[in-house]
Amino acid sequence: LVPPIDVSVDVRPGDFPNVVNLRSNGRVPVAIYGSAELSVGDIDASSLTIAGASVAVRRNGTLFASQEDVNRDGFPDLVVHVAIEDLEVSGDSTTALVLGLTNSGDAILGSDSILVVP
């Protein structure tokens, strides 16, 4: 078996702690950082789950996903949004696990800390 590709993830890019309010009906942005070793264009955004939640879908049927250089390192990053109500977290959850596949079928894995508030 091939081990998953380790990806650097940032829930709510730019914020710390990464607060998730379970009473909110909104979405949480999650960045997967690109690098010299990882082109985020190679990630199949439809395969991603963040804390068990799939990437949100816009009314026009496209995924809530875009590429931008969030951390300003010169590499495009993949920013996806997930519906808070779809997250499989509870009040004692401290980590959001990100799982997915590249377009060529390689597994990717990453995580970031979260602070769940009721």
C-alpha atoms as a PDB file:
ATOM      1  CA  LEU A   1       0.000   0.000   0.000  1.00  0.00           C
ATOM      2  CA  VAL A   2       1.078   3.522  -0.792  1.00  0.00           C
ATOM      3  CA  PRO A   3       0.927   5.837   2.240  1.00  0.00           C
ATOM      4  CA  PRO A   4      -1.294   8.912   1.843  1.00  0.00           C
ATOM      5  CA  ILE A   5       0.230  12.190   0.747  1.00  0.00           C
ATOM      6  CA  ASP A   6       0.455  14.433   3.820  1.00  0.00           C
ATOM      7  CA  VAL A   7      -1.153  17.806   3.112  1.00  0.00           C
ATOM      8  CA  SER A   8      -0.991  21.008   5.125  1.00  0.00           C
ATOM      9  CA  VAL A   9      -4.494  22.147   6.092  1.00  0.00           C
ATOM     10  CA  ASP A  10      -5.837  25.360   7.637  1.00  0.00           C
ATOM     11  CA  VAL A  11      -9.409  25.500   8.907  1.00  0.00           C
ATOM     12  CA  ARG A  12     -10.607  29.120   8.744  1.00  0.00           C
ATOM     13  CA  PRO A  13      -7.390  30.419   7.136  1.00  0.00           C
ATOM     14  CA  GLY A  14      -5.913  33.311   9.095  1.00  0.00           C
ATOM     15  CA  ASP A  15      -7.885  32.582  12.274  1.00  0.00           C
ATOM     16  CA  PHE A  16      -6.693  30.931  15.469  1.00  0.00           C
ATOM     17  CA  PRO A  17      -8.254  29.274  17.301  1.00  0.00           C
ATOM     18  CA  ASN A  18     -10.334  27.769  14.489  1.00  0.00           C
ATOM     19  CA  VAL A  19     -13.761  28.199  16.061  1.00  0.00           C
ATOM     20  CA  VAL A  20     -16.634  26.062  14.790  1.00  0.00           C
ATOM     21  CA  ASN A  21     -20.032  27.192  16.074  1.00  0.00           C
ATOM     22  CA  LEU A  22     -22.393  24.231  15.744  1.00  0.00           C
ATOM     23  CA  ARG A  23     -25.426  26.546  15.989  1.00  0.00           C
ATOM     24  CA  SER A  24     -24.350  28.454  12.895  1.00  0.00           C
ATOM     25  CA  ASN A  25     -25.997  27.626   9.579  1.00  0.00           C
ATOM     26  CA  GLY A  26     -23.010  28.866   7.614  1.00  0.00           C
ATOM     27  CA  ARG A  27     -19.983  27.311   5.981  1.00  0.00           C
ATOM     28  CA  VAL A  28     -16.420  26.861   7.145  1.00  0.00           C
ATOM     29  CA  PRO A  29     -13.575  27.634   4.724  1.00  0.00           C
ATOM     30  CA  VAL A  30     -10.717  25.146   4.684  1.00  0.00           C
ATOM     31  CA  ALA A  31      -7.445  25.689   2.819  1.00  0.00           C
ATOM     32  CA  ILE A  32      -5.236  22.895   1.566  1.00  0.00           C
ATOM     33  CA  TYR A  33      -1.857  24.459   0.968  1.00  0.00           C
ATOM     34  CA  GLY A  34      -0.038  23.826  -2.267  1.00  0.00           C
ATOM     35  CA  SER A  35       3.733  23.478  -2.364  1.00  0.00           C
ATOM     36  CA  ALA A  36       6.605  22.539  -4.640  1.00  0.00           C
ATOM     37  CA  GLU A  37       5.638  18.909  -3.958  1.00  0.00           C
ATOM     38  CA  LEU A  38       1.851  19.312  -4.279  1.00  0.00           C
ATOM     39  CA  SER A  39      -0.089  21.074  -7.001  1.00  0.00           C
ATOM     40  CA  VAL A  40      -3.584  21.575  -5.607  1.00  0.00           C
ATOM     41  CA  GLY A  41      -4.871  21.339  -9.175  1.00  0.00           C
ATOM     42  CA  ASP A  42      -4.128  17.614  -8.850  1.00  0.00           C
ATOM     43  CA  ILE A  43      -6.645  17.249  -5.978  1.00  0.00           C
ATOM     44  CA  ASP A  44     -10.106  15.897  -6.777  1.00  0.00           C
ATOM     45  CA  ALA A  45     -12.180  18.380  -4.761  1.00  0.00           C
ATOM     46  CA  SER A  46     -15.274  16.172  -5.108  1.00  0.00           C
ATOM     47  CA  SER A  47     -13.477  13.415  -3.158  1.00  0.00           C
ATOM     48  CA  LEU A  48     -12.664  15.594  -0.146  1.00  0.00           C
ATOM     49  CA  THR A  49     -14.195  15.214   3.279  1.00  0.00           C
ATOM     50  CA  ILE A  50     -13.469  17.587   6.126  1.00  0.00           C
ATOM     51  CA  ALA A  51     -14.471  16.157   9.524  1.00  0.00           C
ATOM     52  CA  GLY A  52     -16.762  13.821   7.587  1.00  0.00           C
ATOM     53  CA  ALA A  53     -18.422  16.599   5.571  1.00  0.00           C
ATOM     54  CA  SER A  54     -18.261  16.812   1.785  1.00  0.00           C
ATOM     55  CA  VAL A  55     -17.468  20.062   0.008  1.00  0.00           C
ATOM     56  CA  ALA A  56     -20.578  22.245  -0.228  1.00  0.00           C
ATOM     57  CA  VAL A  57     -22.299  22.557  -3.607  1.00  0.00           C
ATOM     58  CA  ARG A  58     -23.442  25.904  -5.035  1.00  0.00           C
ATOM     59  CA  ARG A  59     -26.954  26.371  -6.406  1.00  0.00           C
ATOM     60  CA  ASN A  60     -25.561  26.020  -9.933  1.00  0.00           C
ATOM     61  CA  GLY A  61     -24.232  22.557  -9.039  1.00  0.00           C
ATOM     62  CA  THR A  62     -20.522  23.440  -8.865  1.00  0.00           C
ATOM     63  CA  LEU A  63     -18.408  22.774  -5.794  1.00  0.00           C
ATOM     64  CA  PHE A  64     -17.614  25.551  -3.333  1.00  0.00           C
ATOM     65  CA  ALA A  65     -13.922  25.329  -4.226  1.00  0.00           C
ATOM     66  CA  SER A  66     -11.397  27.765  -5.627  1.00  0.00           C
ATOM     67  CA  GLN A  67      -7.668  28.190  -6.017  1.00  0.00           C
ATOM     68  CA  GLU A  68      -5.899  31.177  -4.493  1.00  0.00           C
ATOM     69  CA  ASP A  69      -2.588  31.792  -2.770  1.00  0.00           C
ATOM     70  CA  VAL A  70      -3.949  32.099   0.775  1.00  0.00           C
ATOM     71  CA  ASN A  71      -0.604  31.974   2.604  1.00  0.00           C
ATOM     72  CA  ARG A  72       1.204  34.107   0.004  1.00  0.00           C
ATOM     73  CA  ASP A  73       4.022  31.611  -0.603  1.00  0.00           C
ATOM     74  CA  GLY A  74       3.745  31.723  -4.387  1.00  0.00           C
ATOM     75  CA  PHE A  75       1.902  28.376  -4.680  1.00  0.00           C
ATOM     76  CA  PRO A  76      -1.839  28.151  -5.364  1.00  0.00           C
ATOM     77  CA  ASP A  77      -3.863  26.739  -2.471  1.00  0.00           C
ATOM     78  CA  LEU A  78      -7.210  24.942  -2.687  1.00  0.00           C
ATOM     79  CA  VAL A  79      -9.934  26.627  -0.630  1.00  0.00           C
ATOM     80  CA  VAL A  80     -13.120  24.646  -0.095  1.00  0.00           C
ATOM     81  CA  HIS A  81     -16.191  25.381   1.997  1.00  0.00           C
ATOM     82  CA  VAL A  82     -18.168  22.842   4.019  1.00  0.00           C
ATOM     83  CA  ALA A  83     -21.548  23.305   5.658  1.00  0.00           C
ATOM     84  CA  ILE A  84     -21.217  23.456   9.445  1.00  0.00           C
ATOM     85  CA  GLU A  85     -24.326  21.286   9.826  1.00  0.00           C
ATOM     86  CA  ASP A  86     -22.577  18.505   7.831  1.00  0.00           C
ATOM     87  CA  LEU A  87     -19.498  18.360  10.072  1.00  0.00           C
ATOM     88  CA  GLU A  88     -19.240  15.192  12.135  1.00  0.00           C
ATOM     89  CA  VAL A  89     -17.945  16.902  15.263  1.00  0.00           C
ATOM     90  CA  SER A  90     -19.119  17.321  18.842  1.00  0.00           C
ATOM     91  CA  GLY A  91     -18.283  19.650  21.707  1.00  0.00           C
ATOM     92  CA  ASP A  92     -15.195  17.632  22.612  1.00  0.00           C
ATOM     93  CA  SER A  93     -13.791  17.405  19.075  1.00  0.00           C
ATOM     94  CA  THR A  94     -10.386  19.079  18.740  1.00  0.00           C
ATOM     95  CA  THR A  95      -9.287  18.034  15.249  1.00  0.00           C
ATOM     96  CA  ALA A  96     -10.766  18.213  11.768  1.00  0.00           C
ATOM     97  CA  LEU A  97      -9.447  15.389   9.585  1.00  0.00           C
ATOM     98  CA  VAL A  98      -9.184  16.040   5.846  1.00  0.00           C
ATOM     99  CA  LEU A  99      -9.285  13.045   3.509  1.00  0.00           C
ATOM    100  CA  GLY A 100      -9.399  12.871  -0.248  1.00  0.00           C
ATOM    101  CA  LEU A 101      -7.853  11.730  -3.488  1.00  0.00           C
ATOM    102  CA  THR A 102      -5.728  13.201  -6.215  1.00  0.00           C
ATOM    103  CA  ASN A 103      -6.990  13.011  -9.789  1.00  0.00           C
ATOM    104  CA  SER A 104      -4.670  10.024 -10.260  1.00  0.00           C
ATOM    105  CA  GLY A 105      -6.184   8.195  -7.262  1.00  0.00           C
ATOM    106  CA  ASP A 106      -3.509   8.791  -4.615  1.00  0.00           C
ATOM    107  CA  ALA A 107      -4.891   9.347  -1.108  1.00  0.00           C
ATOM    108  CA  ILE A 108      -4.284  12.635   0.688  1.00  0.00           C
ATOM    109  CA  LEU A 109      -4.504  13.204   4.420  1.00  0.00           C
ATOM    110  CA  GLY A 110      -4.249  16.272   6.625  1.00  0.00           C
ATOM    111  CA  SER A 111      -5.712  17.793   9.764  1.00  0.00           C
ATOM    112  CA  ASP A 112      -6.018  21.013  11.710  1.00  0.00           C
ATOM    113  CA  SER A 113      -7.097  21.893  15.218  1.00  0.00           C
ATOM    114  CA  ILE A 114     -10.622  23.141  15.846  1.00  0.00           C
ATOM    115  CA  LEU A 115     -12.419  24.629  18.825  1.00  0.00           C
ATOM    116  CA  VAL A 116     -16.069  23.571  18.838  1.00  0.00           C
ATOM    117  CA  VAL A 117     -18.499  25.884  20.587  1.00  0.00           C
ATOM    118  CA  PRO A 118     -22.123  24.902  21.260  1.00  0.00           C
END
